[in-house]
């Protein structure tokens, strides 16, 4: 995993005050894929109170708003599993 990209993801997602956050680099699974040259493929699992009462689309929008410009360079694809504390 690009330690720098993971650190940036953690820094940006801190705005959601996660109770837990796991970041996995899945770029190796996409070797040869056109996007593999333009940014990594990451999977996050995040638990945050900010997701309580929010549907999946709203949760993903919160995450994309937090990571912002990382999605236009460092990250080509982001797989998201987002939960509120009462769902885990």
PDB file of N, CA and C in Angstrom:
ATOM      1  N   UNK A   1       0.851  -1.177   0.000  1.00  0.00           N
ATOM      2  CA  UNK A   1       0.000   0.000   0.000  1.00  0.00           C
ATOM      3  C   UNK A   1       0.884   1.223   0.000  1.00  0.00           C
ATOM      4  N   UNK A   2       0.487   2.185  -0.790  1.00  0.00           N
ATOM      5  CA  UNK A   2       1.197   3.446  -0.725  1.00  0.00           C
ATOM      6  C   UNK A   2       0.935   4.039   0.651  1.00  0.00           C
ATOM      7  N   UNK A   3       1.968   4.049   1.469  1.00  0.00           N
ATOM      8  CA  UNK A   3       1.818   4.557   2.840  1.00  0.00           C
ATOM      9  C   UNK A   3       1.362   6.007   2.827  1.00  0.00           C
ATOM     10  N   UNK A   4       1.826   6.753   1.845  1.00  0.00           N
ATOM     11  CA  UNK A   4       1.446   8.160   1.748  1.00  0.00           C
ATOM     12  C   UNK A   4      -0.042   8.307   1.428  1.00  0.00           C
ATOM     13  N   UNK A   5      -0.549   7.511   0.499  1.00  0.00           N
ATOM     14  CA  UNK A   5      -1.968   7.577   0.144  1.00  0.00           C
ATOM     15  C   UNK A   5      -2.824   7.123   1.316  1.00  0.00           C
ATOM     16  N   UNK A   6      -2.419   6.060   1.995  1.00  0.00           N
ATOM     17  CA  UNK A   6      -3.170   5.586   3.164  1.00  0.00           C
ATOM     18  C   UNK A   6      -3.209   6.651   4.252  1.00  0.00           C
ATOM     19  N   UNK A   7      -2.095   7.322   4.479  1.00  0.00           N
ATOM     20  CA  UNK A   7      -2.046   8.383   5.485  1.00  0.00           C
ATOM     21  C   UNK A   7      -2.971   9.537   5.095  1.00  0.00           C
ATOM     22  N   UNK A   8      -2.986   9.876   3.817  1.00  0.00           N
ATOM     23  CA  UNK A   8      -3.883  10.936   3.347  1.00  0.00           C
ATOM     24  C   UNK A   8      -5.348  10.535   3.495  1.00  0.00           C
ATOM     25  N   UNK A   9      -5.660   9.271   3.193  1.00  0.00           N
ATOM     26  CA  UNK A   9      -7.023   8.784   3.382  1.00  0.00           C
ATOM     27  C   UNK A   9      -7.428   8.891   4.848  1.00  0.00           C
ATOM     28  N   UNK A  10      -6.558   8.434   5.755  1.00  0.00           N
ATOM     29  CA  UNK A  10      -6.853   8.511   7.191  1.00  0.00           C
ATOM     30  C   UNK A  10      -7.054   9.953   7.635  1.00  0.00           C
ATOM     31  N   UNK A  11      -6.195  10.824   7.146  1.00  0.00           N
ATOM     32  CA  UNK A  11      -6.276  12.245   7.501  1.00  0.00           C
ATOM     33  C   UNK A  11      -7.600  12.850   7.042  1.00  0.00           C
ATOM     34  N   UNK A  12      -7.982  12.586   5.812  1.00  0.00           N
ATOM     35  CA  UNK A  12      -9.219  13.155   5.272  1.00  0.00           C
ATOM     36  C   UNK A  12     -10.459  12.560   5.941  1.00  0.00           C
ATOM     37  N   UNK A  13     -10.426  11.238   6.172  1.00  0.00           N
ATOM     38  CA  UNK A  13     -11.591  10.581   6.766  1.00  0.00           C
ATOM     39  C   UNK A  13     -11.738  10.881   8.256  1.00  0.00           C
ATOM     40  N   UNK A  14     -10.711  11.445   8.870  1.00  0.00           N
ATOM     41  CA  UNK A  14     -10.793  11.855  10.274  1.00  0.00           C
ATOM     42  C   UNK A  14     -11.916  12.868  10.477  1.00  0.00           C
ATOM     43  N   UNK A  15     -12.266  13.599   9.438  1.00  0.00           N
ATOM     44  CA  UNK A  15     -13.355  14.581   9.515  1.00  0.00           C
ATOM     45  C   UNK A  15     -14.685  13.914   9.863  1.00  0.00           C
ATOM     46  N   UNK A  16     -14.803  12.603   9.589  1.00  0.00           N
ATOM     47  CA  UNK A  16     -16.028  11.865   9.906  1.00  0.00           C
ATOM     48  C   UNK A  16     -15.972  11.231  11.290  1.00  0.00           C
ATOM     49  N   UNK A  17     -14.896  11.464  12.017  1.00  0.00           N
ATOM     50  CA  UNK A  17     -14.698  10.930  13.373  1.00  0.00           C
ATOM     51  C   UNK A  17     -14.981   9.428  13.445  1.00  0.00           C
ATOM     52  N   UNK A  18     -14.256   8.639  12.647  1.00  0.00           N
ATOM     53  CA  UNK A  18     -14.534   7.196  12.635  1.00  0.00           C
ATOM     54  C   UNK A  18     -14.163   6.515  13.954  1.00  0.00           C
ATOM     55  N   UNK A  19     -15.008   5.583  14.343  1.00  0.00           N
ATOM     56  CA  UNK A  19     -14.693   4.739  15.498  1.00  0.00           C
ATOM     57  C   UNK A  19     -13.708   3.665  15.083  1.00  0.00           C
ATOM     58  N   UNK A  20     -13.790   3.259  13.835  1.00  0.00           N
ATOM     59  CA  UNK A  20     -12.797   2.339  13.280  1.00  0.00           C
ATOM     60  C   UNK A  20     -12.682   2.604  11.785  1.00  0.00           C
ATOM     61  N   UNK A  21     -11.485   2.325  11.278  1.00  0.00           N
ATOM     62  CA  UNK A  21     -11.203   2.534   9.858  1.00  0.00           C
ATOM     63  C   UNK A  21     -10.132   1.541   9.423  1.00  0.00           C
ATOM     64  N   UNK A  22     -10.451   0.749   8.418  1.00  0.00           N
ATOM     65  CA  UNK A  22      -9.485  -0.175   7.828  1.00  0.00           C
ATOM     66  C   UNK A  22      -9.327   0.197   6.363  1.00  0.00           C
ATOM     67  N   UNK A  23      -8.081   0.263   5.926  1.00  0.00           N
ATOM     68  CA  UNK A  23      -7.771   0.607   4.537  1.00  0.00           C
ATOM     69  C   UNK A  23      -6.938  -0.522   3.944  1.00  0.00           C
ATOM     70  N   UNK A  24      -7.382  -1.045   2.791  1.00  0.00           N
ATOM     71  CA  UNK A  24      -6.648  -2.100   2.099  1.00  0.00           C
ATOM     72  C   UNK A  24      -6.317  -1.627   0.687  1.00  0.00           C
ATOM     73  N   UNK A  25      -5.092  -1.860   0.287  1.00  0.00           N
ATOM     74  CA  UNK A  25      -4.673  -1.568  -1.075  1.00  0.00           C
ATOM     75  C   UNK A  25      -4.938  -2.802  -1.919  1.00  0.00           C
ATOM     76  N   UNK A  26      -5.840  -2.697  -2.881  1.00  0.00           N
ATOM     77  CA  UNK A  26      -6.178  -3.815  -3.764  1.00  0.00           C
ATOM     78  C   UNK A  26      -5.628  -3.606  -5.167  1.00  0.00           C
ATOM     79  N   UNK A  27      -4.677  -2.698  -5.291  1.00  0.00           N
ATOM     80  CA  UNK A  27      -4.127  -2.363  -6.604  1.00  0.00           C
ATOM     81  C   UNK A  27      -3.557  -3.578  -7.318  1.00  0.00           C
ATOM     82  N   UNK A  28      -2.939  -4.484  -6.571  1.00  0.00           N
ATOM     83  CA  UNK A  28      -2.329  -5.668  -7.186  1.00  0.00           C
ATOM     84  C   UNK A  28      -3.368  -6.551  -7.872  1.00  0.00           C
ATOM     85  N   UNK A  29      -4.624  -6.464  -7.459  1.00  0.00           N
ATOM     86  CA  UNK A  29      -5.686  -7.255  -8.081  1.00  0.00           C
ATOM     87  C   UNK A  29      -6.107  -6.687  -9.439  1.00  0.00           C
ATOM     88  N   UNK A  30      -5.634  -5.489  -9.732  1.00  0.00           N
ATOM     89  CA  UNK A  30      -6.042  -4.812 -10.958  1.00  0.00           C
ATOM     90  C   UNK A  30      -4.860  -4.546 -11.897  1.00  0.00           C
ATOM     91  N   UNK A  31      -3.797  -5.281 -11.712  1.00  0.00           N
ATOM     92  CA  UNK A  31      -2.616  -5.121 -12.568  1.00  0.00           C
ATOM     93  C   UNK A  31      -3.029  -5.329 -14.025  1.00  0.00           C
ATOM     94  N   UNK A  32      -2.586  -4.433 -14.877  1.00  0.00           N
ATOM     95  CA  UNK A  32      -2.926  -4.516 -16.289  1.00  0.00           C
ATOM     96  C   UNK A  32      -4.172  -3.725 -16.643  1.00  0.00           C
ATOM     97  N   UNK A  33      -4.963  -3.382 -15.660  1.00  0.00           N
ATOM     98  CA  UNK A  33      -6.158  -2.563 -15.863  1.00  0.00           C
ATOM     99  C   UNK A  33      -5.715  -1.139 -16.176  1.00  0.00           C
ATOM    100  N   UNK A  34      -6.386  -0.488 -17.098  1.00  0.00           N
ATOM    101  CA  UNK A  34      -5.972   0.853 -17.528  1.00  0.00           C
ATOM    102  C   UNK A  34      -5.844   1.824 -16.357  1.00  0.00           C
ATOM    103  N   UNK A  35      -6.745   1.746 -15.403  1.00  0.00           N
ATOM    104  CA  UNK A  35      -6.708   2.660 -14.271  1.00  0.00           C
ATOM    105  C   UNK A  35      -5.573   2.406 -13.309  1.00  0.00           C
ATOM    106  N   UNK A  36      -4.970   1.237 -13.388  1.00  0.00           N
ATOM    107  CA  UNK A  36      -3.874   0.905 -12.482  1.00  0.00           C
ATOM    108  C   UNK A  36      -2.692   1.844 -12.673  1.00  0.00           C
ATOM    109  N   UNK A  37      -2.593   2.468 -13.844  1.00  0.00           N
ATOM    110  CA  UNK A  37      -1.495   3.395 -14.116  1.00  0.00           C
ATOM    111  C   UNK A  37      -1.777   4.792 -13.558  1.00  0.00           C
ATOM    112  N   UNK A  38      -3.042   5.096 -13.305  1.00  0.00           N
ATOM    113  CA  UNK A  38      -3.439   6.445 -12.930  1.00  0.00           C
ATOM    114  C   UNK A  38      -3.739   6.615 -11.453  1.00  0.00           C
ATOM    115  N   UNK A  39      -3.742   5.567 -10.686  1.00  0.00           N
ATOM    116  CA  UNK A  39      -4.041   5.656  -9.267  1.00  0.00           C
ATOM    117  C   UNK A  39      -4.348   4.280  -8.730  1.00  0.00           C
ATOM    118  N   UNK A  40      -4.329   4.173  -7.419  1.00  0.00           N
ATOM    119  CA  UNK A  40      -4.536   2.879  -6.790  1.00  0.00           C
ATOM    120  C   UNK A  40      -5.996   2.502  -6.616  1.00  0.00           C
ATOM    121  N   UNK A  41      -6.191   1.233  -6.314  1.00  0.00           N
ATOM    122  CA  UNK A  41      -7.508   0.688  -6.013  1.00  0.00           C
ATOM    123  C   UNK A  41      -7.510   0.384  -4.511  1.00  0.00           C
ATOM    124  N   UNK A  42      -8.399   1.021  -3.775  1.00  0.00           N
ATOM    125  CA  UNK A  42      -8.433   0.875  -2.326  1.00  0.00           C
ATOM    126  C   UNK A  42      -9.801   0.421  -1.851  1.00  0.00           C
ATOM    127  N   UNK A  43      -9.796  -0.281  -0.730  1.00  0.00           N
ATOM    128  CA  UNK A  43     -11.020  -0.743  -0.080  1.00  0.00           C
ATOM    129  C   UNK A  43     -10.998  -0.207   1.340  1.00  0.00           C
ATOM    130  N   UNK A  44     -12.077   0.472   1.731  1.00  0.00           N
ATOM    131  CA  UNK A  44     -12.143   0.956   3.108  1.00  0.00           C
ATOM    132  C   UNK A  44     -13.369   0.373   3.798  1.00  0.00           C
ATOM    133  N   UNK A  45     -13.204   0.099   5.066  1.00  0.00           N
ATOM    134  CA  UNK A  45     -14.301  -0.264   5.944  1.00  0.00           C
ATOM    135  C   UNK A  45     -14.254   0.745   7.071  1.00  0.00           C
ATOM    136  N   UNK A  46     -15.343   1.473   7.241  1.00  0.00           N
ATOM    137  CA  UNK A  46     -15.376   2.568   8.195  1.00  0.00           C
ATOM    138  C   UNK A  46     -16.650   2.502   9.026  1.00  0.00           C
ATOM    139  N   UNK A  47     -16.496   2.772  10.315  1.00  0.00           N
ATOM    140  CA  UNK A  47     -17.624   2.841  11.241  1.00  0.00           C
ATOM    141  C   UNK A  47     -17.609   4.236  11.844  1.00  0.00           C
ATOM    142  N   UNK A  48     -18.722   4.966  11.688  1.00  0.00           N
ATOM    143  CA  UNK A  48     -18.790   6.328  12.213  1.00  0.00           C
ATOM    144  C   UNK A  48     -20.233   6.694  12.547  1.00  0.00           C
ATOM    145  N   UNK A  49     -20.392   7.449  13.605  1.00  0.00           N
ATOM    146  CA  UNK A  49     -21.723   7.914  14.005  1.00  0.00           C
ATOM    147  C   UNK A  49     -22.345   8.800  12.924  1.00  0.00           C
ATOM    148  N   UNK A  50     -21.521   9.422  12.106  1.00  0.00           N
ATOM    149  CA  UNK A  50     -22.016  10.287  11.026  1.00  0.00           C
ATOM    150  C   UNK A  50     -22.911   9.534  10.047  1.00  0.00           C
ATOM    151  N   UNK A  51     -22.823   8.214  10.018  1.00  0.00           N
ATOM    152  CA  UNK A  51     -23.604   7.418   9.085  1.00  0.00           C
ATOM    153  C   UNK A  51     -24.964   6.993   9.632  1.00  0.00           C
ATOM    154  N   UNK A  52     -25.227   7.259  10.895  1.00  0.00           N
ATOM    155  CA  UNK A  52     -26.506   6.866  11.498  1.00  0.00           C
ATOM    156  C   UNK A  52     -27.653   7.556  10.765  1.00  0.00           C
ATOM    157  N   UNK A  53     -28.636   6.779  10.374  1.00  0.00           N
ATOM    158  CA  UNK A  53     -29.801   7.315   9.688  1.00  0.00           C
ATOM    159  C   UNK A  53     -29.574   7.679   8.229  1.00  0.00           C
ATOM    160  N   UNK A  54     -28.370   7.413   7.695  1.00  0.00           N
ATOM    161  CA  UNK A  54     -28.040   7.745   6.311  1.00  0.00           C
ATOM    162  C   UNK A  54     -28.114   6.486   5.456  1.00  0.00           C
ATOM    163  N   UNK A  55     -28.634   6.623   4.232  1.00  0.00           N
ATOM    164  CA  UNK A  55     -28.628   5.468   3.336  1.00  0.00           C
ATOM    165  C   UNK A  55     -27.243   5.322   2.705  1.00  0.00           C
ATOM    166  N   UNK A  56     -27.055   4.279   1.941  1.00  0.00           N
ATOM    167  CA  UNK A  56     -25.748   3.980   1.350  1.00  0.00           C
ATOM    168  C   UNK A  56     -25.245   5.118   0.463  1.00  0.00           C
ATOM    169  N   UNK A  57     -26.111   5.681  -0.353  1.00  0.00           N
ATOM    170  CA  UNK A  57     -25.694   6.762  -1.252  1.00  0.00           C
ATOM    171  C   UNK A  57     -25.201   7.965  -0.448  1.00  0.00           C
ATOM    172  N   UNK A  58     -25.913   8.344   0.584  1.00  0.00           N
ATOM    173  CA  UNK A  58     -25.497   9.487   1.400  1.00  0.00           C
ATOM    174  C   UNK A  58     -24.183   9.207   2.119  1.00  0.00           C
ATOM    175  N   UNK A  59     -23.986   7.989   2.570  1.00  0.00           N
ATOM    176  CA  UNK A  59     -22.728   7.601   3.228  1.00  0.00           C
ATOM    177  C   UNK A  59     -21.559   7.736   2.250  1.00  0.00           C
ATOM    178  N   UNK A  60     -21.759   7.230   1.045  1.00  0.00           N
ATOM    179  CA  UNK A  60     -20.706   7.304   0.036  1.00  0.00           C
ATOM    180  C   UNK A  60     -20.408   8.745  -0.349  1.00  0.00           C
ATOM    181  N   UNK A  61     -21.431   9.561  -0.417  1.00  0.00           N
ATOM    182  CA  UNK A  61     -21.219  10.988  -0.724  1.00  0.00           C
ATOM    183  C   UNK A  61     -20.394  11.671   0.367  1.00  0.00           C
ATOM    184  N   UNK A  62     -20.667  11.338   1.631  1.00  0.00           N
ATOM    185  CA  UNK A  62     -19.885  11.900   2.738  1.00  0.00           C
ATOM    186  C   UNK A  62     -18.417  11.507   2.603  1.00  0.00           C
ATOM    187  N   UNK A  63     -18.178  10.260   2.263  1.00  0.00           N
ATOM    188  CA  UNK A  63     -16.805   9.769   2.122  1.00  0.00           C
ATOM    189  C   UNK A  63     -16.122  10.433   0.925  1.00  0.00           C
ATOM    190  N   UNK A  64     -16.798  10.490  -0.201  1.00  0.00           N
ATOM    191  CA  UNK A  64     -16.203  11.119  -1.390  1.00  0.00           C
ATOM    192  C   UNK A  64     -15.932  12.600  -1.149  1.00  0.00           C
ATOM    193  N   UNK A  65     -16.814  13.270  -0.419  1.00  0.00           N
ATOM    194  CA  UNK A  65     -16.576  14.684  -0.089  1.00  0.00           C
ATOM    195  C   UNK A  65     -15.342  14.826   0.797  1.00  0.00           C
ATOM    196  N   UNK A  66     -15.142  13.876   1.698  1.00  0.00           N
ATOM    197  CA  UNK A  66     -13.989  13.932   2.607  1.00  0.00           C
ATOM    198  C   UNK A  66     -12.673  13.658   1.884  1.00  0.00           C
ATOM    199  N   UNK A  67     -12.658  12.718   0.959  1.00  0.00           N
ATOM    200  CA  UNK A  67     -11.398  12.377   0.287  1.00  0.00           C
ATOM    201  C   UNK A  67     -11.114  13.289  -0.899  1.00  0.00           C
ATOM    202  N   UNK A  68     -12.145  13.945  -1.405  1.00  0.00           N
ATOM    203  CA  UNK A  68     -12.007  14.994  -2.410  1.00  0.00           C
ATOM    204  C   UNK A  68     -11.054  14.710  -3.550  1.00  0.00           C
ATOM    205  N   UNK A  69     -10.029  15.541  -3.651  1.00  0.00           N
ATOM    206  CA  UNK A  69      -9.114  15.503  -4.791  1.00  0.00           C
ATOM    207  C   UNK A  69      -8.286  14.226  -4.887  1.00  0.00           C
ATOM    208  N   UNK A  70      -8.244  13.409  -3.856  1.00  0.00           N
ATOM    209  CA  UNK A  70      -7.517  12.135  -3.952  1.00  0.00           C
ATOM    210  C   UNK A  70      -8.127  11.241  -5.027  1.00  0.00           C
ATOM    211  N   UNK A  71      -9.417  11.429  -5.280  1.00  0.00           N
ATOM    212  CA  UNK A  71     -10.109  10.622  -6.280  1.00  0.00           C
ATOM    213  C   UNK A  71      -9.742  11.034  -7.703  1.00  0.00           C
ATOM    214  N   UNK A  72      -9.027  12.114  -7.859  1.00  0.00           N
ATOM    215  CA  UNK A  72      -8.640  12.577  -9.193  1.00  0.00           C
ATOM    216  C   UNK A  72      -7.150  12.381  -9.450  1.00  0.00           C
ATOM    217  N   UNK A  73      -6.551  11.429  -8.787  1.00  0.00           N
ATOM    218  CA  UNK A  73      -5.136  11.216  -9.036  1.00  0.00           C
ATOM    219  C   UNK A  73      -4.585  10.008  -8.309  1.00  0.00           C
ATOM    220  N   UNK A  74      -4.534  10.085  -6.999  1.00  0.00           N
ATOM    221  CA  UNK A  74      -3.946   9.004  -6.219  1.00  0.00           C
ATOM    222  C   UNK A  74      -4.830   7.763  -6.160  1.00  0.00           C
ATOM    223  N   UNK A  75      -6.145   7.967  -6.262  1.00  0.00           N
ATOM    224  CA  UNK A  75      -7.087   6.854  -6.152  1.00  0.00           C
ATOM    225  C   UNK A  75      -7.885   6.743  -7.444  1.00  0.00           C
ATOM    226  N   UNK A  76      -7.821   5.570  -8.050  1.00  0.00           N
ATOM    227  CA  UNK A  76      -8.606   5.313  -9.258  1.00  0.00           C
ATOM    228  C   UNK A  76      -9.958   4.713  -8.876  1.00  0.00           C
ATOM    229  N   UNK A  77      -9.962   3.824  -7.883  1.00  0.00           N
ATOM    230  CA  UNK A  77     -11.192   3.158  -7.463  1.00  0.00           C
ATOM    231  C   UNK A  77     -11.196   3.026  -5.942  1.00  0.00           C
ATOM    232  N   UNK A  78     -12.382   3.223  -5.366  1.00  0.00           N
ATOM    233  CA  UNK A  78     -12.535   3.140  -3.922  1.00  0.00           C
ATOM    234  C   UNK A  78     -13.752   2.294  -3.609  1.00  0.00           C
ATOM    235  N   UNK A  79     -13.514   1.136  -3.002  1.00  0.00           N
ATOM    236  CA  UNK A  79     -14.590   0.269  -2.556  1.00  0.00           C
ATOM    237  C   UNK A  79     -14.898   0.652  -1.110  1.00  0.00           C
ATOM    238  N   UNK A  80     -16.173   0.872  -0.819  1.00  0.00           N
ATOM    239  CA  UNK A  80     -16.560   1.409   0.489  1.00  0.00           C
ATOM    240  C   UNK A  80     -17.537   0.490   1.199  1.00  0.00           C
ATOM    241  N   UNK A  81     -17.224   0.212   2.457  1.00  0.00           N
ATOM    242  CA  UNK A  81     -18.161  -0.441   3.377  1.00  0.00           C
ATOM    243  C   UNK A  81     -18.273   0.516   4.552  1.00  0.00           C
ATOM    244  N   UNK A  82     -19.434   1.161   4.690  1.00  0.00           N
ATOM    245  CA  UNK A  82     -19.624   2.189   5.709  1.00  0.00           C
ATOM    246  C   UNK A  82     -20.788   1.805   6.619  1.00  0.00           C
ATOM    247  N   UNK A  83     -20.524   1.848   7.929  1.00  0.00           N
ATOM    248  CA  UNK A  83     -21.510   1.439   8.918  1.00  0.00           C
ATOM    249  C   UNK A  83     -21.641   2.486  10.015  1.00  0.00           C
ATOM    250  N   UNK A  84     -22.825   2.534  10.600  1.00  0.00           N
ATOM    251  CA  UNK A  84     -22.985   3.316  11.820  1.00  0.00           C
ATOM    252  C   UNK A  84     -22.637   2.380  12.979  1.00  0.00           C
ATOM    253  N   UNK A  85     -22.329   2.910  14.146  1.00  0.00           N
ATOM    254  CA  UNK A  85     -21.921   2.055  15.278  1.00  0.00           C
ATOM    255  C   UNK A  85     -22.959   0.994  15.650  1.00  0.00           C
ATOM    256  N   UNK A  86     -24.241   1.301  15.513  1.00  0.00           N
ATOM    257  CA  UNK A  86     -25.263   0.319  15.887  1.00  0.00           C
ATOM    258  C   UNK A  86     -25.416  -0.809  14.878  1.00  0.00           C
ATOM    259  N   UNK A  87     -24.717  -0.719  13.742  1.00  0.00           N
ATOM    260  CA  UNK A  87     -24.792  -1.766  12.725  1.00  0.00           C
ATOM    261  C   UNK A  87     -23.666  -2.801  12.839  1.00  0.00           C
ATOM    262  N   UNK A  88     -22.748  -2.548  13.749  1.00  0.00           N
ATOM    263  CA  UNK A  88     -21.633  -3.512  13.902  1.00  0.00           C
ATOM    264  C   UNK A  88     -21.666  -4.177  15.254  1.00  0.00           C
TER     265      UNK A  88
END
